[in-house]
Amino acid sequence: MGLERRLGLKDDESLLAVERASPVTLILPGILIAALILAPIFFLVPLLRLELLGKILIGISETLGLVFGLRGLVKWRMTILAVTERRVIIVRQSGFFDRHVTELPFSRIQEVAYRVSGMGATIFRYGTLLIESAGSDEPLAMERVPHPARLQDLITELQGREGGRGEFGEVLHGISKMDARKLGLLKAEIERATRALPPDERA
């Protein structure tokens, strides 16, 4: 429920898929961060011989490791691709206080493709999802998502349903969400407008 609220979903809108970068892609950054944190332990004696300078170097290494580690975890956790029955939402978290949200209704999506590049991506089945939209020169890219082919199929299928509805379908979709009172008012308005038409233009 918290994620749905953060994404600003409507009451009648539900999440169909939520993807983050494949956890496998965190291994190499994790090793580098662990090296920053653990390095002072292996060089503790030589560093302590430097007295104040050694303590400063230990503090810097530990602080950098913790900051980079926390930043990477926040970035991975908060950067997501969400698919609902109406749209695609991509949230990019670049830092602790830097977030960019892009929403694409299916009506604006022109093409969905994916790219798998490299041995690691092929083995662990992750890649880049590319979404081309109307009015944009560059495709919207979500990198290192697991099983991008599945996401492509899901978005293409939903896009086909949305595109098949058209404007008249949107009207019918809106009518289907009305309660009895609103339907009664709509019916009365249609009858009033029909009676106002010339006899030869009435259905």
Foldseek 3Di string as FASTA:
>chain_A
DVVCVVVPDDPPKDWPDKWFFPVVVCVVVLVVLVCLLCVCVVCVVVLCVVPPNSVVSNVVSNVVSVQSVVFVVCQRVQFMWIDILFWIKTWGDPGPPDIDIDIGGLVFWDAKDWDQDDDVCVVQAFTKIWTDGPPDPGTDIRGNTHNNVVVRVVSVVSSVVVVVCPPVNVVVVVVVPDDPVVVVVVVVVVVVVLVPDDPVPHD
